[in-house]
Amino acid sequence: MAVNCRHRLEPRLHPYYFGNAIQSIPTLAPAGELLANDLGWGADLLHKNVVAHGDATVRKGVANWEKDPRLFPLGNFDGASITMGSSPRFPMYNNDFGWGRPLAIRSGKANKFDGKISAFPGREGNGTVDLEVVLAPETMAGLEKDEEFMQYVSEIIIM
């Protein structure tokens, strides 16, 4: 998952800093543990990992990258991973180009691969989050049969 490092550094970066200040952090869990727990358990695991990513961790990541520079690989390299991107903090639904408020937000067709998830602020507001999920057809079919997962899915009704 991509993590904003601007506010994690001490001293903080200047508010008008224009450079890249994100790092990718892995959160790992065995499939059996994910299946044995509810969605809140997985969300808590992600949350704890993000909270733990402080100044020392950011600086260690930069130092490691300087010693061994590498590009972030696009795609699901092991067939069992997901990649989280975007942010629920970008006010995408506030854009109105004269056609009215957007019905949905999508990220476009670039960089799409099995297991990619993009998060946007929810259309309903009040802390809701819309997720754009890219999955292989057979994976999506299985997910649609998961009753617990489907409890959290809402349908956009276009009027």
N, C-alpha and C. Protein backbone atom coordinates (compact mmCIF):
# COMPACT_ATOMS: atom_id res chain seq x y z
N MET A 1 0.85 -1.16 0.00
CA MET A 1 0.00 0.00 0.00
C MET A 1 0.90 1.23 0.00
N ALA A 2 0.54 2.24 -0.76
CA ALA A 2 1.30 3.49 -0.79
C ALA A 2 0.98 4.31 0.45
N VAL A 3 2.03 4.87 1.06
CA VAL A 3 1.87 5.66 2.28
C VAL A 3 2.46 7.05 2.06
N ASN A 4 1.70 8.07 2.41
CA ASN A 4 2.15 9.45 2.34
C ASN A 4 3.16 9.69 3.46
N CYS A 5 4.37 10.09 3.11
CA CYS A 5 5.43 10.27 4.12
C CYS A 5 5.63 11.73 4.52
N ARG A 6 4.91 12.66 3.91
CA ARG A 6 5.12 14.09 4.18
C ARG A 6 5.00 14.43 5.65
N HIS A 7 3.98 13.94 6.30
CA HIS A 7 3.76 14.28 7.71
C HIS A 7 4.43 13.30 8.67
N ARG A 8 5.12 12.31 8.15
CA ARG A 8 5.77 11.30 8.99
C ARG A 8 7.22 11.66 9.32
N LEU A 9 7.79 12.61 8.59
CA LEU A 9 9.18 12.99 8.81
C LEU A 9 9.31 14.07 9.88
N GLU A 10 10.41 14.03 10.62
CA GLU A 10 10.74 15.07 11.59
C GLU A 10 12.12 15.60 11.25
N PRO A 11 12.28 16.85 10.89
CA PRO A 11 11.21 17.83 10.74
C PRO A 11 10.37 17.53 9.50
N ARG A 12 9.16 18.04 9.51
CA ARG A 12 8.24 17.80 8.39
C ARG A 12 8.74 18.49 7.12
N LEU A 13 8.32 17.93 6.00
CA LEU A 13 8.64 18.57 4.72
C LEU A 13 7.87 19.88 4.61
N HIS A 14 8.43 20.82 3.85
CA HIS A 14 7.75 22.09 3.62
C HIS A 14 6.40 21.81 2.94
N PRO A 15 5.35 22.55 3.30
CA PRO A 15 4.03 22.29 2.70
C PRO A 15 4.01 22.37 1.18
N TYR A 16 4.93 23.15 0.58
CA TYR A 16 4.96 23.29 -0.87
C TYR A 16 6.00 22.40 -1.53
N TYR A 17 6.55 21.45 -0.79
CA TYR A 17 7.50 20.49 -1.36
C TYR A 17 6.82 19.79 -2.53
N PHE A 18 7.51 19.76 -3.68
CA PHE A 18 6.89 19.26 -4.90
C PHE A 18 7.33 17.85 -5.26
N GLY A 19 8.28 17.29 -4.54
CA GLY A 19 8.83 15.98 -4.89
C GLY A 19 7.97 14.82 -4.42
N ASN A 20 8.44 13.64 -4.73
CA ASN A 20 7.78 12.40 -4.34
C ASN A 20 8.02 12.15 -2.86
N ALA A 21 6.98 11.89 -2.11
CA ALA A 21 7.12 11.60 -0.68
C ALA A 21 6.18 10.46 -0.29
N ILE A 22 6.24 9.38 -1.07
CA ILE A 22 5.44 8.20 -0.74
C ILE A 22 6.36 6.99 -0.69
N GLN A 23 5.96 6.02 0.07
CA GLN A 23 6.66 4.74 0.09
C GLN A 23 5.61 3.64 0.04
N SER A 24 6.01 2.52 -0.48
CA SER A 24 5.13 1.36 -0.53
C SER A 24 5.45 0.47 0.66
N ILE A 25 4.42 0.11 1.43
CA ILE A 25 4.66 -0.76 2.58
C ILE A 25 3.85 -2.05 2.42
N PRO A 26 4.50 -3.17 2.61
CA PRO A 26 3.77 -4.44 2.51
C PRO A 26 3.08 -4.77 3.83
N THR A 27 1.91 -5.34 3.73
CA THR A 27 1.22 -5.90 4.90
C THR A 27 0.93 -7.35 4.55
N LEU A 28 1.45 -8.25 5.34
CA LEU A 28 1.35 -9.68 5.04
C LEU A 28 0.44 -10.39 6.04
N ALA A 29 -0.34 -11.33 5.53
CA ALA A 29 -1.18 -12.18 6.38
C ALA A 29 -1.43 -13.48 5.63
N PRO A 30 -1.30 -14.61 6.31
CA PRO A 30 -1.63 -15.89 5.67
C PRO A 30 -3.10 -15.93 5.28
N ALA A 31 -3.39 -16.56 4.15
CA ALA A 31 -4.77 -16.65 3.67
C ALA A 31 -5.69 -17.25 4.73
N GLY A 32 -5.22 -18.25 5.47
CA GLY A 32 -6.03 -18.88 6.51
C GLY A 32 -6.46 -17.90 7.59
N GLU A 33 -5.56 -16.99 7.96
CA GLU A 33 -5.91 -15.98 8.97
C GLU A 33 -6.93 -14.99 8.42
N LEU A 34 -6.77 -14.60 7.16
CA LEU A 34 -7.74 -13.69 6.56
C LEU A 34 -9.13 -14.32 6.51
N LEU A 35 -9.17 -15.59 6.17
CA LEU A 35 -10.45 -16.30 6.09
C LEU A 35 -11.06 -16.54 7.47
N ALA A 36 -10.22 -16.72 8.49
CA ALA A 36 -10.71 -17.02 9.83
C ALA A 36 -11.22 -15.77 10.57
N ASN A 37 -10.92 -14.59 10.05
CA ASN A 37 -11.31 -13.35 10.71
C ASN A 37 -12.22 -12.53 9.80
N ASP A 38 -12.84 -11.49 10.37
CA ASP A 38 -13.73 -10.65 9.57
C ASP A 38 -12.94 -9.53 8.88
N LEU A 39 -13.63 -8.72 8.08
CA LEU A 39 -12.97 -7.65 7.33
C LEU A 39 -12.31 -6.64 8.26
N GLY A 40 -12.91 -6.40 9.42
CA GLY A 40 -12.33 -5.46 10.38
C GLY A 40 -10.95 -5.87 10.84
N TRP A 41 -10.72 -7.18 10.96
CA TRP A 41 -9.42 -7.69 11.36
C TRP A 41 -8.36 -7.31 10.33
N GLY A 42 -8.69 -7.49 9.05
CA GLY A 42 -7.76 -7.13 7.98
C GLY A 42 -7.52 -5.63 7.92
N ALA A 43 -8.59 -4.85 8.09
CA ALA A 43 -8.45 -3.39 8.09
C ALA A 43 -7.57 -2.94 9.25
N ASP A 44 -7.72 -3.57 10.41
CA ASP A 44 -6.90 -3.22 11.57
C ASP A 44 -5.43 -3.54 11.32
N LEU A 45 -5.17 -4.64 10.64
CA LEU A 45 -3.80 -5.01 10.30
C LEU A 45 -3.16 -3.93 9.41
N LEU A 46 -3.91 -3.47 8.40
CA LEU A 46 -3.42 -2.40 7.53
C LEU A 46 -3.18 -1.13 8.33
N HIS A 47 -4.16 -0.77 9.18
CA HIS A 47 -4.07 0.45 9.98
C HIS A 47 -2.82 0.44 10.87
N LYS A 48 -2.59 -0.66 11.56
CA LYS A 48 -1.42 -0.75 12.45
C LYS A 48 -0.12 -0.60 11.67
N ASN A 49 -0.07 -1.16 10.48
CA ASN A 49 1.12 -1.06 9.65
C ASN A 49 1.38 0.38 9.22
N VAL A 50 0.32 1.10 8.84
CA VAL A 50 0.46 2.49 8.43
C VAL A 50 0.89 3.36 9.62
N VAL A 51 0.25 3.18 10.77
CA VAL A 51 0.59 3.97 11.96
C VAL A 51 2.04 3.75 12.37
N ALA A 52 2.54 2.53 12.21
CA ALA A 52 3.91 2.20 12.61
C ALA A 52 4.96 2.77 11.65
N HIS A 53 4.53 3.29 10.51
CA HIS A 53 5.47 3.80 9.50
C HIS A 53 5.83 5.25 9.83
N GLY A 54 6.75 5.44 10.76
CA GLY A 54 7.15 6.76 11.22
C GLY A 54 8.46 7.23 10.63
N ASP A 55 9.00 8.29 11.22
CA ASP A 55 10.21 8.94 10.73
C ASP A 55 11.37 7.96 10.52
N ALA A 56 11.66 7.15 11.53
CA ALA A 56 12.80 6.22 11.43
C ALA A 56 12.60 5.21 10.29
N THR A 57 11.38 4.72 10.14
CA THR A 57 11.09 3.74 9.08
C THR A 57 11.22 4.38 7.71
N VAL A 58 10.71 5.62 7.57
CA VAL A 58 10.80 6.33 6.29
C VAL A 58 12.27 6.54 5.93
N ARG A 59 13.06 7.02 6.88
CA ARG A 59 14.48 7.29 6.61
C ARG A 59 15.25 6.01 6.29
N LYS A 60 14.91 4.93 6.96
CA LYS A 60 15.56 3.64 6.68
C LYS A 60 15.23 3.19 5.25
N GLY A 61 13.96 3.39 4.84
CA GLY A 61 13.56 3.04 3.48
C GLY A 61 14.31 3.84 2.43
N VAL A 62 14.50 5.14 2.69
CA VAL A 62 15.25 5.99 1.76
C VAL A 62 16.70 5.53 1.68
N ALA A 63 17.31 5.27 2.84
CA ALA A 63 18.71 4.81 2.87
C ALA A 63 18.87 3.49 2.12
N ASN A 64 17.94 2.57 2.32
CA ASN A 64 17.99 1.28 1.62
C ASN A 64 17.85 1.47 0.11
N TRP A 65 16.96 2.38 -0.29
CA TRP A 65 16.76 2.62 -1.72
C TRP A 65 18.01 3.26 -2.33
N GLU A 66 18.66 4.16 -1.59
CA GLU A 66 19.89 4.78 -2.11
C GLU A 66 20.99 3.73 -2.33
N LYS A 67 21.04 2.72 -1.48
CA LYS A 67 22.03 1.64 -1.63
C LYS A 67 21.66 0.69 -2.76
N ASP A 68 20.36 0.46 -2.94
CA ASP A 68 19.88 -0.52 -3.92
C ASP A 68 18.63 0.02 -4.62
N PRO A 69 18.81 1.00 -5.54
CA PRO A 69 17.63 1.60 -6.19
C PRO A 69 16.87 0.58 -7.03
N ARG A 70 15.56 0.65 -6.98
CA ARG A 70 14.72 -0.25 -7.77
C ARG A 70 13.40 0.44 -8.07
N LEU A 71 12.79 0.02 -9.15
CA LEU A 71 11.48 0.55 -9.53
C LEU A 71 10.40 -0.34 -8.93
N PHE A 72 9.27 0.27 -8.64
CA PHE A 72 8.14 -0.48 -8.11
C PHE A 72 7.57 -1.35 -9.22
N PRO A 73 7.47 -2.66 -9.02
CA PRO A 73 6.94 -3.53 -10.08
C PRO A 73 5.43 -3.38 -10.22
N LEU A 74 4.97 -3.20 -11.45
CA LEU A 74 3.53 -3.16 -11.70
C LEU A 74 3.05 -4.57 -11.95
N GLY A 75 1.89 -4.87 -11.44
CA GLY A 75 1.31 -6.17 -11.68
C GLY A 75 1.31 -7.03 -10.44
N ASN A 76 0.60 -8.12 -10.54
CA ASN A 76 0.48 -9.08 -9.44
C ASN A 76 1.49 -10.18 -9.70
N PHE A 77 2.69 -10.00 -9.17
CA PHE A 77 3.80 -10.88 -9.50
C PHE A 77 3.69 -12.27 -8.91
N ASP A 78 2.88 -12.48 -7.87
CA ASP A 78 2.78 -13.83 -7.30
C ASP A 78 1.37 -14.42 -7.40
N GLY A 79 0.43 -13.66 -7.95
CA GLY A 79 -0.93 -14.16 -8.12
C GLY A 79 -1.76 -14.16 -6.85
N ALA A 80 -1.17 -13.76 -5.73
CA ALA A 80 -1.90 -13.78 -4.46
C ALA A 80 -1.83 -12.44 -3.74
N SER A 81 -1.34 -11.41 -4.41
CA SER A 81 -1.16 -10.11 -3.77
C SER A 81 -2.20 -9.11 -4.26
N ILE A 82 -2.39 -8.08 -3.45
CA ILE A 82 -3.17 -6.93 -3.89
C ILE A 82 -2.28 -5.70 -3.74
N THR A 83 -2.54 -4.68 -4.54
CA THR A 83 -1.82 -3.42 -4.46
C THR A 83 -2.84 -2.32 -4.25
N MET A 84 -2.65 -1.54 -3.20
CA MET A 84 -3.59 -0.47 -2.85
C MET A 84 -3.00 0.85 -3.28
N GLY A 85 -3.81 1.71 -3.88
CA GLY A 85 -3.34 3.01 -4.32
C GLY A 85 -4.39 4.08 -4.16
N SER A 86 -4.02 5.30 -4.54
CA SER A 86 -4.84 6.49 -4.45
C SER A 86 -5.03 6.87 -2.99
N SER A 87 -6.04 7.67 -2.71
CA SER A 87 -6.27 8.11 -1.33
C SER A 87 -7.71 8.52 -1.16
N PRO A 88 -8.30 8.18 -0.02
CA PRO A 88 -9.65 8.66 0.26
C PRO A 88 -9.67 10.13 0.64
N ARG A 89 -8.52 10.80 0.60
CA ARG A 89 -8.46 12.21 0.98
C ARG A 89 -8.55 13.17 -0.21
N PHE A 90 -8.50 12.66 -1.44
CA PHE A 90 -8.62 13.53 -2.60
C PHE A 90 -10.10 13.77 -2.86
N PRO A 91 -10.57 15.03 -2.84
CA PRO A 91 -12.01 15.30 -2.97
C PRO A 91 -12.50 15.21 -4.42
N MET A 92 -12.46 14.03 -4.99
CA MET A 92 -12.80 13.83 -6.40
C MET A 92 -14.25 14.21 -6.72
N TYR A 93 -15.16 13.94 -5.81
CA TYR A 93 -16.57 14.22 -6.09
C TYR A 93 -16.91 15.71 -6.01
N ASN A 94 -15.95 16.54 -5.61
CA ASN A 94 -16.19 17.98 -5.58
C ASN A 94 -16.02 18.62 -6.95
N ASN A 95 -15.52 17.86 -7.93
CA ASN A 95 -15.35 18.40 -9.28
C ASN A 95 -16.69 18.44 -10.00
N ASP A 96 -17.01 19.61 -10.53
CA ASP A 96 -18.22 19.76 -11.33
C ASP A 96 -17.85 20.61 -12.54
N PHE A 97 -17.85 20.00 -13.71
CA PHE A 97 -17.47 20.69 -14.93
C PHE A 97 -18.69 21.18 -15.71
N GLY A 98 -19.79 21.39 -14.99
CA GLY A 98 -21.00 21.89 -15.62
C GLY A 98 -22.03 20.82 -15.91
N TRP A 99 -21.70 19.55 -15.66
CA TRP A 99 -22.62 18.45 -15.93
C TRP A 99 -23.25 17.94 -14.65
N GLY A 100 -22.89 18.54 -13.52
CA GLY A 100 -23.37 18.04 -12.24
C GLY A 100 -22.30 17.21 -11.56
N ARG A 101 -22.61 16.80 -10.37
CA ARG A 101 -21.67 16.03 -9.56
C ARG A 101 -21.43 14.65 -10.17
N PRO A 102 -20.21 14.13 -10.14
CA PRO A 102 -19.95 12.80 -10.71
C PRO A 102 -20.80 11.71 -10.06
N LEU A 103 -21.20 10.72 -10.84
CA LEU A 103 -21.91 9.56 -10.31
C LEU A 103 -20.95 8.55 -9.74
N ALA A 104 -19.75 8.48 -10.32
CA ALA A 104 -18.73 7.53 -9.86
C ALA A 104 -17.37 8.05 -10.28
N ILE A 105 -16.34 7.60 -9.60
CA ILE A 105 -14.96 7.98 -9.92
C ILE A 105 -14.22 6.72 -10.35
N ARG A 106 -13.48 6.82 -11.44
CA ARG A 106 -12.66 5.72 -11.92
C ARG A 106 -11.27 6.27 -12.24
N SER A 107 -10.28 5.43 -12.21
CA SER A 107 -8.90 5.89 -12.40
C SER A 107 -8.41 5.81 -13.84
N GLY A 108 -9.21 5.35 -14.76
CA GLY A 108 -8.77 5.22 -16.15
C GLY A 108 -8.21 3.84 -16.42
N LYS A 109 -7.75 3.61 -17.65
CA LYS A 109 -7.36 2.25 -18.03
C LYS A 109 -5.89 1.93 -17.84
N ALA A 110 -5.06 2.90 -17.48
CA ALA A 110 -3.63 2.64 -17.31
C ALA A 110 -3.34 1.87 -16.02
N ASN A 111 -2.29 1.11 -16.04
CA ASN A 111 -1.80 0.38 -14.86
C ASN A 111 -2.85 -0.52 -14.22
N LYS A 112 -3.62 -1.19 -15.01
CA LYS A 112 -4.62 -2.13 -14.48
C LYS A 112 -4.03 -3.53 -14.47
N PHE A 113 -4.18 -4.21 -13.35
CA PHE A 113 -3.71 -5.58 -13.23
C PHE A 113 -4.49 -6.25 -12.12
N ASP A 114 -4.54 -7.57 -12.17
CA ASP A 114 -5.26 -8.36 -11.18
C ASP A 114 -4.76 -8.04 -9.77
N GLY A 115 -5.65 -7.61 -8.92
CA GLY A 115 -5.29 -7.32 -7.54
C GLY A 115 -5.04 -5.85 -7.24
N LYS A 116 -5.31 -4.95 -8.20
CA LYS A 116 -5.10 -3.52 -7.95
C LYS A 116 -6.38 -2.91 -7.36
N ILE A 117 -6.21 -2.14 -6.29
CA ILE A 117 -7.34 -1.45 -5.64
C ILE A 117 -7.00 0.03 -5.54
N SER A 118 -7.93 0.89 -5.96
CA SER A 118 -7.78 2.33 -5.80
C SER A 118 -8.88 2.82 -4.87
N ALA A 119 -8.53 3.70 -3.94
CA ALA A 119 -9.49 4.23 -2.96
C ALA A 119 -9.79 5.69 -3.27
N PHE A 120 -11.06 6.04 -3.21
CA PHE A 120 -11.50 7.42 -3.42
C PHE A 120 -12.47 7.77 -2.30
N PRO A 121 -12.62 9.07 -1.99
CA PRO A 121 -13.62 9.42 -0.98
C PRO A 121 -15.00 9.00 -1.50
N GLY A 122 -15.85 8.52 -0.63
CA GLY A 122 -17.16 8.04 -1.04
C GLY A 122 -18.08 9.14 -1.52
N ARG A 123 -18.92 8.83 -2.47
CA ARG A 123 -19.86 9.81 -3.01
C ARG A 123 -20.80 10.33 -1.94
N GLU A 124 -21.14 9.47 -0.97
CA GLU A 124 -22.07 9.86 0.09
C GLU A 124 -21.43 10.77 1.13
N GLY A 125 -20.10 10.89 1.14
CA GLY A 125 -19.42 11.72 2.14
C GLY A 125 -19.40 11.04 3.50
N ASN A 126 -19.23 11.82 4.54
CA ASN A 126 -19.25 11.33 5.93
C ASN A 126 -18.27 10.18 6.17
N GLY A 127 -17.09 10.24 5.57
CA GLY A 127 -16.08 9.22 5.82
C GLY A 127 -16.21 7.96 4.99
N THR A 128 -17.18 7.91 4.06
CA THR A 128 -17.31 6.72 3.23
C THR A 128 -16.16 6.67 2.22
N VAL A 129 -15.86 5.48 1.74
CA VAL A 129 -14.78 5.28 0.78
C VAL A 129 -15.30 4.42 -0.37
N ASP A 130 -15.05 4.87 -1.60
CA ASP A 130 -15.35 4.07 -2.78
C ASP A 130 -14.07 3.36 -3.20
N LEU A 131 -14.19 2.09 -3.53
CA LEU A 131 -13.04 1.32 -3.98
C LEU A 131 -13.23 0.90 -5.43
N GLU A 132 -12.21 1.09 -6.24
CA GLU A 132 -12.17 0.55 -7.59
C GLU A 132 -11.28 -0.68 -7.50
N VAL A 133 -11.84 -1.85 -7.75
CA VAL A 133 -11.12 -3.11 -7.58
C VAL A 133 -10.96 -3.78 -8.95
N VAL A 134 -9.72 -4.13 -9.29
CA VAL A 134 -9.43 -4.82 -10.54
C VAL A 134 -9.10 -6.27 -10.20
N LEU A 135 -9.90 -7.19 -10.71
CA LEU A 135 -9.70 -8.61 -10.44
C LEU A 135 -9.87 -9.42 -11.72
N ALA A 136 -9.21 -10.56 -11.77
CA ALA A 136 -9.43 -11.50 -12.86
C ALA A 136 -10.88 -11.96 -12.80
N PRO A 137 -11.51 -12.27 -13.94
CA PRO A 137 -12.92 -12.66 -13.94
C PRO A 137 -13.26 -13.79 -12.98
N GLU A 138 -12.41 -14.81 -12.89
CA GLU A 138 -12.72 -15.94 -12.00
C GLU A 138 -12.61 -15.53 -10.52
N THR A 139 -11.70 -14.60 -10.23
CA THR A 139 -11.57 -14.10 -8.85
C THR A 139 -12.80 -13.28 -8.49
N MET A 140 -13.25 -12.42 -9.41
CA MET A 140 -14.43 -11.60 -9.17
C MET A 140 -15.66 -12.46 -8.97
N ALA A 141 -15.81 -13.49 -9.77
CA ALA A 141 -16.97 -14.39 -9.63
C ALA A 141 -16.99 -15.03 -8.24
N GLY A 142 -15.83 -15.43 -7.74
CA GLY A 142 -15.76 -16.01 -6.40
C GLY A 142 -16.09 -14.99 -5.33
N LEU A 143 -15.62 -13.77 -5.50
CA LEU A 143 -15.88 -12.72 -4.52
C LEU A 143 -17.37 -12.37 -4.46
N GLU A 144 -18.03 -12.37 -5.62
CA GLU A 144 -19.46 -12.07 -5.66
C GLU A 144 -20.29 -13.13 -4.93
N LYS A 145 -19.73 -14.31 -4.72
CA LYS A 145 -20.42 -15.37 -3.98
C LYS A 145 -20.14 -15.31 -2.48
N ASP A 146 -19.24 -14.43 -2.06
CA ASP A 146 -18.87 -14.30 -0.65
C ASP A 146 -19.89 -13.40 0.05
N GLU A 147 -20.77 -14.00 0.86
CA GLU A 147 -21.86 -13.26 1.49
C GLU A 147 -21.36 -12.16 2.41
N GLU A 148 -20.31 -12.44 3.19
CA GLU A 148 -19.80 -11.40 4.10
C GLU A 148 -19.29 -10.20 3.31
N PHE A 149 -18.52 -10.45 2.26
CA PHE A 149 -18.00 -9.36 1.45
C PHE A 149 -19.14 -8.55 0.83
N MET A 150 -20.13 -9.22 0.30
CA MET A 150 -21.23 -8.53 -0.39
C MET A 150 -22.06 -7.67 0.55
N GLN A 151 -21.97 -7.89 1.86
CA GLN A 151 -22.68 -7.02 2.81
C GLN A 151 -22.14 -5.59 2.76
N TYR A 152 -20.89 -5.42 2.32
CA TYR A 152 -20.25 -4.12 2.30
C TYR A 152 -20.26 -3.46 0.93
N VAL A 153 -20.87 -4.10 -0.03
CA VAL A 153 -20.90 -3.58 -1.40
C VAL A 153 -22.21 -2.84 -1.61
N SER A 154 -22.11 -1.63 -2.17
CA SER A 154 -23.33 -0.88 -2.50
C SER A 154 -23.39 -0.71 -4.00
N GLU A 155 -24.58 -0.59 -4.49
CA GLU A 155 -24.80 -0.47 -5.93
C GLU A 155 -25.12 0.98 -6.26
N ILE A 156 -24.53 1.49 -7.32
CA ILE A 156 -24.84 2.84 -7.77
C ILE A 156 -26.10 2.76 -8.63
N ILE A 157 -27.10 3.54 -8.26
CA ILE A 157 -28.34 3.58 -9.03
C ILE A 157 -28.35 4.90 -9.79
N ILE A 158 -28.32 4.83 -11.10
CA ILE A 158 -28.31 6.02 -11.94
C ILE A 158 -29.75 6.40 -12.25
N MET A 159 -30.07 7.64 -11.94
CA MET A 159 -31.45 8.12 -12.16
C MET A 159 -31.54 9.00 -13.37
